[in-house]
Amino acid sequence: MRPTLIVNLVAAALLGALLWVAMPAVIGRPLRLWEVFVLAAVALALLELWRWHRQRREREQTESLRDSALW
């Protein structure tokens, strides 16, 4: 399955929920709501960056194949 914006949004939301549940055991206090949103936003940004990089690499491979087919 190729990552899309919707998949990345869902993954970031799930990660935020997981952090909200798991952090009291890790740091000894529950995360504040703004901390969860910040962590989810960072996760979303990283997932989007990874998706952009993957799409660019696939596009370069396709162009390389097309260029080699022309020769």
PDB file of N, CA and C in Angstrom:
ATOM      1  N   MET A   1       0.837  -1.175   0.000  1.00  0.00           N
ATOM      2  CA  MET A   1       0.000   0.000   0.000  1.00  0.00           C
ATOM      3  C   MET A   1       0.884   1.242   0.000  1.00  0.00           C
ATOM      4  N   ARG A   2       0.621   2.125  -0.920  1.00  0.00           N
ATOM      5  CA  ARG A   2       1.390   3.359  -0.981  1.00  0.00           C
ATOM      6  C   ARG A   2       0.852   4.356   0.026  1.00  0.00           C
ATOM      7  N   PRO A   3       1.748   5.041   0.717  1.00  0.00           N
ATOM      8  CA  PRO A   3       1.273   6.013   1.703  1.00  0.00           C
ATOM      9  C   PRO A   3       0.632   7.224   1.032  1.00  0.00           C
ATOM     10  N   THR A   4      -0.507   7.619   1.526  1.00  0.00           N
ATOM     11  CA  THR A   4      -1.201   8.809   1.043  1.00  0.00           C
ATOM     12  C   THR A   4      -1.344   9.771   2.210  1.00  0.00           C
ATOM     13  N   LEU A   5      -1.854  10.939   1.932  1.00  0.00           N
ATOM     14  CA  LEU A   5      -2.049  11.932   2.986  1.00  0.00           C
ATOM     15  C   LEU A   5      -3.002  11.409   4.051  1.00  0.00           C
ATOM     16  N   ILE A   6      -4.060  10.717   3.640  1.00  0.00           N
ATOM     17  CA  ILE A   6      -5.029  10.194   4.607  1.00  0.00           C
ATOM     18  C   ILE A   6      -4.385   9.135   5.497  1.00  0.00           C
ATOM     19  N   VAL A   7      -3.588   8.253   4.906  1.00  0.00           N
ATOM     20  CA  VAL A   7      -2.893   7.232   5.689  1.00  0.00           C
ATOM     21  C   VAL A   7      -1.947   7.902   6.675  1.00  0.00           C
ATOM     22  N   ASN A   8      -1.256   8.944   6.236  1.00  0.00           N
ATOM     23  CA  ASN A   8      -0.338   9.640   7.129  1.00  0.00           C
ATOM     24  C   ASN A   8      -1.083  10.347   8.262  1.00  0.00           C
ATOM     25  N   LEU A   9      -2.244  10.941   7.964  1.00  0.00           N
ATOM     26  CA  LEU A   9      -3.042  11.577   9.012  1.00  0.00           C
ATOM     27  C   LEU A   9      -3.503  10.558  10.049  1.00  0.00           C
ATOM     28  N   VAL A  10      -3.964   9.423   9.584  1.00  0.00           N
ATOM     29  CA  VAL A  10      -4.423   8.378  10.497  1.00  0.00           C
ATOM     30  C   VAL A  10      -3.259   7.856  11.328  1.00  0.00           C
ATOM     31  N   ALA A  11      -2.107   7.641  10.705  1.00  0.00           N
ATOM     32  CA  ALA A  11      -0.939   7.152  11.443  1.00  0.00           C
ATOM     33  C   ALA A  11      -0.499   8.168  12.495  1.00  0.00           C
ATOM     34  N   ALA A  12      -0.503   9.450  12.170  1.00  0.00           N
ATOM     35  CA  ALA A  12      -0.126  10.476  13.138  1.00  0.00           C
ATOM     36  C   ALA A  12      -1.127  10.531  14.286  1.00  0.00           C
ATOM     37  N   ALA A  13      -2.414  10.400  13.984  1.00  0.00           N
ATOM     38  CA  ALA A  13      -3.428  10.410  15.041  1.00  0.00           C
ATOM     39  C   ALA A  13      -3.280   9.202  15.957  1.00  0.00           C
ATOM     40  N   LEU A  14      -3.023   8.039  15.365  1.00  0.00           N
ATOM     41  CA  LEU A  14      -2.825   6.839  16.180  1.00  0.00           C
ATOM     42  C   LEU A  14      -1.573   6.945  17.038  1.00  0.00           C
ATOM     43  N   LEU A  15      -0.523   7.516  16.485  1.00  0.00           N
ATOM     44  CA  LEU A  15       0.692   7.714  17.264  1.00  0.00           C
ATOM     45  C   LEU A  15       0.449   8.681  18.420  1.00  0.00           C
ATOM     46  N   GLY A  16      -0.293   9.753  18.165  1.00  0.00           N
ATOM     47  CA  GLY A  16      -0.635  10.686  19.235  1.00  0.00           C
ATOM     48  C   GLY A  16      -1.438  10.012  20.333  1.00  0.00           C
ATOM     49  N   ALA A  17      -2.400   9.185  19.960  1.00  0.00           N
ATOM     50  CA  ALA A  17      -3.204   8.464  20.955  1.00  0.00           C
ATOM     51  C   ALA A  17      -2.346   7.481  21.739  1.00  0.00           C
ATOM     52  N   LEU A  18      -1.466   6.794  21.051  1.00  0.00           N
ATOM     53  CA  LEU A  18      -0.576   5.851  21.731  1.00  0.00           C
ATOM     54  C   LEU A  18       0.342   6.564  22.715  1.00  0.00           C
ATOM     55  N   LEU A  19       0.882   7.701  22.305  1.00  0.00           N
ATOM     56  CA  LEU A  19       1.743   8.461  23.211  1.00  0.00           C
ATOM     57  C   LEU A  19       0.968   8.966  24.418  1.00  0.00           C
ATOM     58  N   TRP A  20      -0.269   9.381  24.215  1.00  0.00           N
ATOM     59  CA  TRP A  20      -1.082   9.883  25.310  1.00  0.00           C
ATOM     60  C   TRP A  20      -1.337   8.783  26.340  1.00  0.00           C
ATOM     61  N   VAL A  21      -1.505   7.554  25.861  1.00  0.00           N
ATOM     62  CA  VAL A  21      -1.755   6.425  26.759  1.00  0.00           C
ATOM     63  C   VAL A  21      -0.461   5.934  27.405  1.00  0.00           C
ATOM     64  N   ALA A  22       0.649   5.915  26.654  1.00  0.00           N
ATOM     65  CA  ALA A  22       1.880   5.298  27.137  1.00  0.00           C
ATOM     66  C   ALA A  22       2.765   6.235  27.959  1.00  0.00           C
ATOM     67  N   MET A  23       2.674   7.510  27.765  1.00  0.00           N
ATOM     68  CA  MET A  23       3.596   8.433  28.422  1.00  0.00           C
ATOM     69  C   MET A  23       3.492   8.475  29.947  1.00  0.00           C
ATOM     70  N   PRO A  24       2.331   8.293  30.563  1.00  0.00           N
ATOM     71  CA  PRO A  24       2.337   8.296  32.031  1.00  0.00           C
ATOM     72  C   PRO A  24       3.269   7.241  32.628  1.00  0.00           C
ATOM     73  N   ALA A  25       3.386   6.107  31.974  1.00  0.00           N
ATOM     74  CA  ALA A  25       4.290   5.064  32.468  1.00  0.00           C
ATOM     75  C   ALA A  25       5.741   5.419  32.195  1.00  0.00           C
ATOM     76  N   VAL A  26       5.998   6.185  31.151  1.00  0.00           N
ATOM     77  CA  VAL A  26       7.374   6.504  30.765  1.00  0.00           C
ATOM     78  C   VAL A  26       7.916   7.704  31.535  1.00  0.00           C
ATOM     79  N   ILE A  27       7.155   8.791  31.570  1.00  0.00           N
ATOM     80  CA  ILE A  27       7.671  10.009  32.197  1.00  0.00           C
ATOM     81  C   ILE A  27       7.022  10.322  33.542  1.00  0.00           C
ATOM     82  N   GLY A  28       6.075   9.526  33.951  1.00  0.00           N
ATOM     83  CA  GLY A  28       5.484   9.692  35.264  1.00  0.00           C
ATOM     84  C   GLY A  28       4.344  10.688  35.340  1.00  0.00           C
ATOM     85  N   ARG A  29       3.944  11.262  34.237  1.00  0.00           N
ATOM     86  CA  ARG A  29       2.802  12.180  34.217  1.00  0.00           C
ATOM     87  C   ARG A  29       2.139  12.073  32.850  1.00  0.00           C
ATOM     88  N   PRO A  30       0.851  12.332  32.804  1.00  0.00           N
ATOM     89  CA  PRO A  30       0.194  12.311  31.484  1.00  0.00           C
ATOM     90  C   PRO A  30       0.620  13.516  30.657  1.00  0.00           C
ATOM     91  N   LEU A  31       0.648  13.328  29.365  1.00  0.00           N
ATOM     92  CA  LEU A  31       0.973  14.437  28.474  1.00  0.00           C
ATOM     93  C   LEU A  31      -0.193  15.421  28.438  1.00  0.00           C
ATOM     94  N   ARG A  32       0.145  16.668  28.294  1.00  0.00           N
ATOM     95  CA  ARG A  32      -0.904  17.671  28.099  1.00  0.00           C
ATOM     96  C   ARG A  32      -1.392  17.558  26.657  1.00  0.00           C
ATOM     97  N   LEU A  33      -2.578  18.056  26.424  1.00  0.00           N
ATOM     98  CA  LEU A  33      -3.176  17.922  25.102  1.00  0.00           C
ATOM     99  C   LEU A  33      -2.338  18.614  24.031  1.00  0.00           C
ATOM    100  N   TRP A  34      -1.761  19.769  24.329  1.00  0.00           N
ATOM    101  CA  TRP A  34      -0.951  20.467  23.344  1.00  0.00           C
ATOM    102  C   TRP A  34       0.313  19.689  23.025  1.00  0.00           C
ATOM    103  N   GLU A  35       0.862  18.957  23.997  1.00  0.00           N
ATOM    104  CA  GLU A  35       2.051  18.140  23.732  1.00  0.00           C
ATOM    105  C   GLU A  35       1.728  16.993  22.779  1.00  0.00           C
ATOM    106  N   VAL A  36       0.558  16.412  22.941  1.00  0.00           N
ATOM    107  CA  VAL A  36       0.132  15.335  22.038  1.00  0.00           C
ATOM    108  C   VAL A  36      -0.030  15.874  20.626  1.00  0.00           C
ATOM    109  N   PHE A  37      -0.648  17.055  20.496  1.00  0.00           N
ATOM    110  CA  PHE A  37      -0.829  17.650  19.168  1.00  0.00           C
ATOM    111  C   PHE A  37       0.508  17.985  18.519  1.00  0.00           C
ATOM    112  N   VAL A  38       1.445  18.488  19.308  1.00  0.00           N
ATOM    113  CA  VAL A  38       2.771  18.805  18.756  1.00  0.00           C
ATOM    114  C   VAL A  38       3.471  17.537  18.287  1.00  0.00           C
ATOM    115  N   LEU A  39       3.430  16.494  19.089  1.00  0.00           N
ATOM    116  CA  LEU A  39       4.063  15.231  18.693  1.00  0.00           C
ATOM    117  C   LEU A  39       3.391  14.630  17.465  1.00  0.00           C
ATOM    118  N   ALA A  40       2.078  14.717  17.391  1.00  0.00           N
ATOM    119  CA  ALA A  40       1.366  14.201  16.213  1.00  0.00           C
ATOM    120  C   ALA A  40       1.698  15.032  14.976  1.00  0.00           C
ATOM    121  N   ALA A  41       1.826  16.343  15.137  1.00  0.00           N
ATOM    122  CA  ALA A  41       2.185  17.199  14.000  1.00  0.00           C
ATOM    123  C   ALA A  41       3.592  16.894  13.514  1.00  0.00           C
ATOM    124  N   VAL A  42       4.514  16.665  14.428  1.00  0.00           N
ATOM    125  CA  VAL A  42       5.881  16.308  14.036  1.00  0.00           C
ATOM    126  C   VAL A  42       5.887  14.962  13.311  1.00  0.00           C
ATOM    127  N   ALA A  43       5.115  14.011  13.823  1.00  0.00           N
ATOM    128  CA  ALA A  43       5.024  12.708  13.165  1.00  0.00           C
ATOM    129  C   ALA A  43       4.429  12.846  11.768  1.00  0.00           C
ATOM    130  N   LEU A  44       3.407  13.670  11.635  1.00  0.00           N
ATOM    131  CA  LEU A  44       2.800  13.896  10.327  1.00  0.00           C
ATOM    132  C   LEU A  44       3.791  14.535   9.365  1.00  0.00           C
ATOM    133  N   ALA A  45       4.548  15.510   9.846  1.00  0.00           N
ATOM    134  CA  ALA A  45       5.549  16.161   8.995  1.00  0.00           C
ATOM    135  C   ALA A  45       6.607  15.160   8.538  1.00  0.00           C
ATOM    136  N   LEU A  46       7.061  14.310   9.441  1.00  0.00           N
ATOM    137  CA  LEU A  46       8.061  13.309   9.066  1.00  0.00           C
ATOM    138  C   LEU A  46       7.501  12.297   8.071  1.00  0.00           C
ATOM    139  N   LEU A  47       6.260  11.871   8.276  1.00  0.00           N
ATOM    140  CA  LEU A  47       5.641  10.937   7.332  1.00  0.00           C
ATOM    141  C   LEU A  47       5.457  11.571   5.962  1.00  0.00           C
ATOM    142  N   GLU A  48       5.065  12.828   5.918  1.00  0.00           N
ATOM    143  CA  GLU A  48       4.905  13.527   4.638  1.00  0.00           C
ATOM    144  C   GLU A  48       6.255  13.708   3.941  1.00  0.00           C
ATOM    145  N   LEU A  49       7.282  14.011   4.707  1.00  0.00           N
ATOM    146  CA  LEU A  49       8.625  14.136   4.129  1.00  0.00           C
ATOM    147  C   LEU A  49       9.074  12.805   3.540  1.00  0.00           C
ATOM    148  N   TRP A  50       8.831  11.724   4.258  1.00  0.00           N
ATOM    149  CA  TRP A  50       9.194  10.396   3.763  1.00  0.00           C
ATOM    150  C   TRP A  50       8.408  10.070   2.500  1.00  0.00           C
ATOM    151  N   ARG A  51       7.097  10.410   2.488  1.00  0.00           N
ATOM    152  CA  ARG A  51       6.265  10.141   1.303  1.00  0.00           C
ATOM    153  C   ARG A  51       6.749  10.952   0.104  1.00  0.00           C
ATOM    154  N   TRP A  52       7.088  12.219   0.323  1.00  0.00           N
ATOM    155  CA  TRP A  52       7.585  13.083  -0.753  1.00  0.00           C
ATOM    156  C   TRP A  52       8.894  12.527  -1.319  1.00  0.00           C
ATOM    157  N   HIS A  53       9.782  12.098  -0.432  1.00  0.00           N
ATOM    158  CA  HIS A  53      11.064  11.551  -0.876  1.00  0.00           C
ATOM    159  C   HIS A  53      10.853  10.263  -1.674  1.00  0.00           C
ATOM    160  N   ARG A  54       9.957   9.401  -1.227  1.00  0.00           N
ATOM    161  CA  ARG A  54       9.681   8.144  -1.917  1.00  0.00           C
ATOM    162  C   ARG A  54       9.075   8.399  -3.297  1.00  0.00           C
ATOM    163  N   GLN A  55       8.145   9.343  -3.385  1.00  0.00           N
ATOM    164  CA  GLN A  55       7.541   9.662  -4.678  1.00  0.00           C
ATOM    165  C   GLN A  55       8.571  10.247  -5.633  1.00  0.00           C
ATOM    166  N   ARG A  56       9.457  11.090  -5.127  1.00  0.00           N
ATOM    167  CA  ARG A  56      10.493  11.671  -5.977  1.00  0.00           C
ATOM    168  C   ARG A  56      11.432  10.590  -6.505  1.00  0.00           C
ATOM    169  N   ARG A  57      11.801   9.644  -5.639  1.00  0.00           N
ATOM    170  CA  ARG A  57      12.679   8.554  -6.049  1.00  0.00           C
ATOM    171  C   ARG A  57      11.995   7.671  -7.092  1.00  0.00           C
ATOM    172  N   GLU A  58      10.708   7.363  -6.899  1.00  0.00           N
ATOM    173  CA  GLU A  58       9.974   6.568  -7.887  1.00  0.00           C
ATOM    174  C   GLU A  58       9.870   7.305  -9.217  1.00  0.00           C
ATOM    175  N   ARG A  59       9.642   8.618  -9.172  1.00  0.00           N
ATOM    176  CA  ARG A  59       9.556   9.422 -10.389  1.00  0.00           C
ATOM    177  C   ARG A  59      10.892   9.412 -11.127  1.00  0.00           C
ATOM    178  N   GLU A  60      12.002   9.540 -10.398  1.00  0.00           N
ATOM    179  CA  GLU A  60      13.328   9.506 -11.019  1.00  0.00           C
ATOM    180  C   GLU A  60      13.595   8.152 -11.664  1.00  0.00           C
ATOM    181  N   GLN A  61      13.174   7.077 -10.995  1.00  0.00           N
ATOM    182  CA  GLN A  61      13.367   5.744 -11.568  1.00  0.00           C
ATOM    183  C   GLN A  61      12.542   5.583 -12.846  1.00  0.00           C
ATOM    184  N   THR A  62      11.325   6.077 -12.832  1.00  0.00           N
ATOM    185  CA  THR A  62      10.470   5.989 -14.017  1.00  0.00           C
ATOM    186  C   THR A  62      11.071   6.781 -15.174  1.00  0.00           C
ATOM    187  N   GLU A  63      11.548   7.995 -14.874  1.00  0.00           N
ATOM    188  CA  GLU A  63      12.176   8.798 -15.923  1.00  0.00           C
ATOM    189  C   GLU A  63      13.441   8.142 -16.446  1.00  0.00           C
ATOM    190  N   SER A  64      14.193   7.511 -15.558  1.00  0.00           N
ATOM    191  CA  SER A  64      15.403   6.814 -15.996  1.00  0.00           C
ATOM    192  C   SER A  64      15.054   5.654 -16.918  1.00  0.00           C
ATOM    193  N   LEU A  65      14.016   4.898 -16.568  1.00  0.00           N
ATOM    194  CA  LEU A  65      13.581   3.798 -17.423  1.00  0.00           C
ATOM    195  C   LEU A  65      13.106   4.317 -18.779  1.00  0.00           C
ATOM    196  N   ARG A  66      12.361   5.396 -18.763  1.00  0.00           N
ATOM    197  CA  ARG A  66      11.853   5.975 -20.009  1.00  0.00           C
ATOM    198  C   ARG A  66      13.015   6.473 -20.881  1.00  0.00           C
ATOM    199  N   ASP A  67      13.985   7.129 -20.245  1.00  0.00           N
ATOM    200  CA  ASP A  67      15.137   7.623 -21.005  1.00  0.00           C
ATOM    201  C   ASP A  67      15.952   6.471 -21.586  1.00  0.00           C
ATOM    202  N   SER A  68      16.129   5.406 -20.822  1.00  0.00           N
ATOM    203  CA  SER A  68      16.903   4.278 -21.338  1.00  0.00           C
ATOM    204  C   SER A  68      16.137   3.539 -22.427  1.00  0.00           C
ATOM    205  N   ALA A  69      14.812   3.559 -22.379  1.00  0.00           N
ATOM    206  CA  ALA A  69      14.010   2.907 -23.416  1.00  0.00           C
ATOM    207  C   ALA A  69      14.083   3.683 -24.719  1.00  0.00           C
ATOM    208  N   LEU A  70      14.295   4.982 -24.648  1.00  0.00           N
ATOM    209  CA  LEU A  70      14.401   5.782 -25.856  1.00  0.00           C
ATOM    210  C   LEU A  70      15.701   5.504 -26.591  1.00  0.00           C
ATOM    211  N   TRP A  71      16.702   5.073 -25.887  1.00  0.00           N
ATOM    212  CA  TRP A  71      17.985   4.751 -26.532  1.00  0.00           C
ATOM    213  C   TRP A  71      17.926   3.349 -27.009  1.00  0.00           C
TER     214      TRP A  71
END
